[in-house]
Amino acid sequence: MKVFLSSISIYPLLAMELKIIVFNVIVSLLENKTIEVSDETPLIGEGGLLDSMKLVELSLKLEDAATDLGFEFDWTSDAAMSRSRGMFRTAGALAAEFIAQSER
């Protein structure tokens, strides 16, 4: 049986790889490397892992990663900077936005 590559969806694999990249960058910025990052891990606000300097550092590292992967990561939009609905709310929200921007 022949399987044509065009008939296989690689999106779930790519999305998971991008999510792992985001989570690894987050962990790389933490002083306590034993913290387990999940979709629900808060990045900013009450209980957030990152202060403002680490947030900028995270954004720049993800911008570099996106460039290496062939897309532009925009972390300066109004939605990104909104604490209530922005992509920096949780690790999962950030990963979802990173993945979404990779598809544009």
Protein backbone atom coordinates (compact mmCIF):
# COMPACT_ATOMS: atom_id res chain seq x y z
CA MET A 1 0.00 0.00 0.00
CA LYS A 2 1.33 3.40 -0.97
CA VAL A 3 0.94 6.27 1.46
CA PHE A 4 1.19 9.73 0.01
CA LEU A 5 2.70 12.34 2.28
CA SER A 6 0.03 14.84 1.29
CA SER A 7 -2.61 12.58 2.84
CA ILE A 8 -0.93 12.62 6.26
CA SER A 9 -1.60 15.50 8.61
CA ILE A 10 1.57 16.59 10.34
CA TYR A 11 -0.10 19.55 12.08
CA PRO A 12 -0.60 17.86 15.48
CA LEU A 13 3.06 16.88 15.59
CA LEU A 14 4.25 20.34 14.62
CA ALA A 15 1.91 21.98 17.13
CA MET A 16 3.22 19.75 19.91
CA GLU A 17 6.81 20.52 18.94
CA LEU A 18 6.09 24.26 19.02
CA LYS A 19 4.42 23.90 22.42
CA ILE A 20 7.48 22.08 23.74
CA ILE A 21 9.69 24.89 22.45
CA VAL A 22 7.60 27.48 24.31
CA PHE A 23 7.56 25.46 27.54
CA ASN A 24 11.32 24.84 27.34
CA VAL A 25 12.03 28.53 26.89
CA ILE A 26 9.86 29.29 29.94
CA VAL A 27 11.72 26.73 32.05
CA SER A 28 15.08 28.08 30.87
CA LEU A 29 14.20 31.45 32.45
CA LEU A 30 13.22 30.07 35.85
CA GLU A 31 15.61 30.03 38.77
CA ASN A 32 13.93 26.87 40.06
CA LYS A 33 14.31 24.41 37.16
CA THR A 34 12.22 21.79 38.98
CA ILE A 35 8.97 23.71 38.40
CA GLU A 36 6.76 21.74 36.07
CA VAL A 37 5.19 23.93 33.39
CA SER A 38 1.72 22.98 32.15
CA ASP A 39 -1.01 24.66 30.11
CA GLU A 40 -2.45 26.19 33.28
CA THR A 41 0.82 27.56 34.67
CA PRO A 42 0.36 31.32 35.23
CA LEU A 43 3.08 33.46 33.71
CA ILE A 44 1.97 36.91 34.87
CA GLY A 45 -0.32 38.28 37.52
CA GLU A 46 -1.04 36.60 40.81
CA GLY A 47 1.06 33.46 41.14
CA GLY A 48 2.85 34.20 37.88
CA LEU A 49 6.32 32.77 37.31
CA LEU A 50 7.77 35.75 35.47
CA ASP A 51 8.56 39.32 36.43
CA SER A 52 8.56 42.05 33.77
CA MET A 53 12.22 41.56 32.84
CA LYS A 54 11.80 37.79 32.42
CA LEU A 55 8.66 38.42 30.35
CA VAL A 56 10.62 40.58 27.92
CA GLU A 57 13.42 38.01 27.83
CA LEU A 58 10.87 35.26 27.11
CA SER A 59 9.33 37.32 24.32
CA LEU A 60 12.69 37.99 22.69
CA LYS A 61 13.70 34.32 22.88
CA LEU A 62 10.40 33.27 21.30
CA GLU A 63 10.85 35.94 18.63
CA ASP A 64 14.27 34.45 17.83
CA ALA A 65 12.85 30.91 17.79
CA ALA A 66 10.06 31.99 15.44
CA THR A 67 12.58 33.62 13.10
CA ASP A 68 14.60 30.40 13.07
CA LEU A 69 11.39 28.51 12.22
CA GLY A 70 10.46 30.91 9.41
CA PHE A 71 7.71 33.07 10.86
CA GLU A 72 7.31 36.31 12.76
CA PHE A 73 6.16 36.25 16.38
CA ASP A 74 4.34 39.47 17.34
CA TRP A 75 4.34 39.87 21.11
CA THR A 76 3.70 43.62 21.17
CA SER A 77 0.03 43.73 20.17
CA ASP A 78 -2.69 45.14 22.43
CA ALA A 79 -4.09 41.66 23.01
CA ALA A 80 -0.68 40.38 24.07
CA MET A 81 -0.28 43.09 26.66
CA SER A 82 -3.76 42.72 28.17
CA ARG A 83 -3.47 40.85 31.47
CA SER A 84 -7.04 39.58 31.37
CA ARG A 85 -7.12 38.14 27.86
CA GLY A 86 -3.54 38.29 26.67
CA MET A 87 -1.33 35.49 25.52
CA PHE A 88 0.94 35.83 28.55
CA ARG A 89 -1.80 34.76 30.98
CA THR A 90 -0.68 31.13 31.08
CA ALA A 91 1.93 28.92 29.44
CA GLY A 92 -0.84 27.22 27.46
CA ALA A 93 -2.23 30.53 26.18
CA LEU A 94 1.25 31.58 25.08
CA ALA A 95 1.90 28.26 23.35
CA ALA A 96 -1.48 28.48 21.56
CA GLU A 97 -0.68 31.99 20.31
CA PHE A 98 2.82 30.94 19.21
CA ILE A 99 1.30 28.04 17.26
CA ALA A 100 -1.42 30.27 15.76
CA GLN A 101 1.14 32.81 14.60
CA SER A 102 3.23 30.07 13.01
CA GLU A 103 0.27 29.26 10.76
CA ARG A 104 -0.18 32.78 9.39
